[in-house]
Every structure is written in structure tokens, then in C-alpha cells.
C-alpha atoms as a PDB file:
ATOM      1  CA  MET A   1     -30.462 -20.006  24.093  1.00  0.00           C
ATOM      2  CA  GLU A   2     -27.480 -22.057  25.147  1.00  0.00           C
ATOM      3  CA  ARG A   3     -28.003 -25.735  25.916  1.00  0.00           C
ATOM      4  CA  ARG A   4     -28.058 -26.598  29.609  1.00  0.00           C
ATOM      5  CA  LEU A   5     -27.137 -30.000  30.972  1.00  0.00           C
ATOM      6  CA  SER A   6     -28.534 -31.321  34.255  1.00  0.00           C
ATOM      7  CA  LYS A   7     -26.892 -33.809  36.586  1.00  0.00           C
ATOM      8  CA  LYS A   8     -29.034 -36.523  34.967  1.00  0.00           C
ATOM      9  CA  ASP A   9     -27.765 -35.466  31.541  1.00  0.00           C
ATOM     10  CA  LEU A  10     -24.165 -35.696  32.758  1.00  0.00           C
ATOM     11  CA  MET A  11     -24.804 -39.098  34.323  1.00  0.00           C
ATOM     12  CA  LYS A  12     -26.069 -40.419  30.980  1.00  0.00           C
ATOM     13  CA  LEU A  13     -23.360 -38.681  28.957  1.00  0.00           C
ATOM     14  CA  TYR A  14     -20.449 -40.048  31.007  1.00  0.00           C
ATOM     15  CA  GLY A  15     -22.042 -43.268  32.304  1.00  0.00           C
ATOM     16  CA  VAL A  16     -21.495 -42.363  35.961  1.00  0.00           C
ATOM     17  CA  ASP A  17     -23.644 -42.029  39.083  1.00  0.00           C
ATOM     18  CA  ARG A  18     -24.614 -39.009  41.202  1.00  0.00           C
ATOM     19  CA  VAL A  19     -21.769 -39.633  43.648  1.00  0.00           C
ATOM     20  CA  THR A  20     -19.238 -39.272  40.825  1.00  0.00           C
ATOM     21  CA  ILE A  21     -20.833 -36.024  39.626  1.00  0.00           C
ATOM     22  CA  GLU A  22     -20.666 -34.660  43.184  1.00  0.00           C
ATOM     23  CA  ASP A  23     -17.031 -35.760  43.431  1.00  0.00           C
ATOM     24  CA  TRP A  24     -16.272 -33.880  40.212  1.00  0.00           C
ATOM     25  CA  ARG A  25     -17.996 -30.791  41.637  1.00  0.00           C
ATOM     26  CA  THR A  26     -16.103 -31.010  44.929  1.00  0.00           C
ATOM     27  CA  ASN A  27     -12.679 -32.207  43.837  1.00  0.00           C
ATOM     28  CA  ARG A  28     -12.305 -31.538  40.124  1.00  0.00           C
ATOM     29  CA  GLY A  29     -13.777 -28.092  39.649  1.00  0.00           C
ATOM     30  CA  LEU A  30     -17.002 -28.948  37.823  1.00  0.00           C
ATOM     31  CA  ASN A  31     -18.924 -25.694  38.260  1.00  0.00           C
ATOM     32  CA  MET A  32     -22.658 -26.223  38.092  1.00  0.00           C
ATOM     33  CA  ILE A  33     -25.196 -23.460  38.537  1.00  0.00           C
ATOM     34  CA  GLU A  34     -27.398 -24.261  41.513  1.00  0.00           C
ATOM     35  CA  VAL A  35     -30.996 -23.170  40.947  1.00  0.00           C
ATOM     36  CA  SER A  36     -32.161 -24.982  44.080  1.00  0.00           C
ATOM     37  CA  SER A  37     -30.861 -27.800  46.252  1.00  0.00           C
ATOM     38  CA  HIS A  38     -32.377 -30.270  43.789  1.00  0.00           C
ATOM     39  CA  SER A  39     -31.809 -28.415  40.536  1.00  0.00           C
ATOM     40  CA  LYS A  40     -28.325 -27.876  39.143  1.00  0.00           C
ATOM     41  CA  TYR A  41     -27.082 -27.456  35.617  1.00  0.00           C
ATOM     42  CA  ILE A  42     -24.049 -26.545  33.543  1.00  0.00           C
ATOM     43  CA  THR A  43     -24.004 -24.940  30.132  1.00  0.00           C
ATOM     44  CA  GLU A  44     -22.548 -26.897  27.264  1.00  0.00           C
ATOM     45  CA  GLU A  45     -19.861 -24.234  26.813  1.00  0.00           C
ATOM     46  CA  GLU A  46     -18.770 -24.447  30.462  1.00  0.00           C
ATOM     47  CA  LEU A  47     -18.717 -28.250  30.285  1.00  0.00           C
ATOM     48  CA  LEU A  48     -16.401 -28.140  27.276  1.00  0.00           C
ATOM     49  CA  LYS A  49     -14.096 -25.700  29.104  1.00  0.00           C
ATOM     50  CA  TRP A  50     -14.044 -28.029  32.121  1.00  0.00           C
ATOM     51  CA  GLU A  51     -13.210 -31.048  29.944  1.00  0.00           C
ATOM     52  CA  SER A  52     -10.440 -29.077  28.258  1.00  0.00           C
ATOM     53  CA  SER A  53      -8.940 -28.059  31.604  1.00  0.00           C
ATOM     54  CA  LEU A  54      -8.823 -31.725  32.672  1.00  0.00           C
ATOM     55  CA  LYS A  55      -7.018 -32.672  29.484  1.00  0.00           C
ATOM     56  CA  GLU A  56      -4.460 -29.897  30.023  1.00  0.00           C
ATOM     57  CA  CYS A  57      -3.811 -31.078  33.601  1.00  0.00           C
ATOM     58  CA  SER A  58      -3.322 -34.691  32.577  1.00  0.00           C
ATOM     59  CA  SER A  59      -0.894 -33.843  29.756  1.00  0.00           C
ATOM     60  CA  VAL A  60       1.467 -31.865  32.002  1.00  0.00           C
END
């Protein structure tokens, strides 16, 4: 089974708060799967794709 990362996991990983995660979802294309209004996650594979897309945008 593929590793899933919650908002809390992302907050710890990147050292940011919930507002930043929501900003990334709204404005930077971070696609999280919404299980309920309080439960969202992203797979490790999708997170790596998202990071890669940000790097490509910043190098152009």
C-alpha cells in the first residue's frame, strides 16, 4: 500500500502551518484527496509529482 500523508504530516515535513497548506491547495495545485471535511491526504507519489512541477515552473 502506498504511503499517504495527511495535512499534519505535510505541516511537519515542510515546517508550515495549516493556512500555508490550504494556500498550496488553492493557489499552487496541491491536490489532496478529501475523505471528509476534516480528513485529507496525498499519496507520496503525488506529492513528489507536485514538488517536481514547482521546480519546473521556477526554472523557466
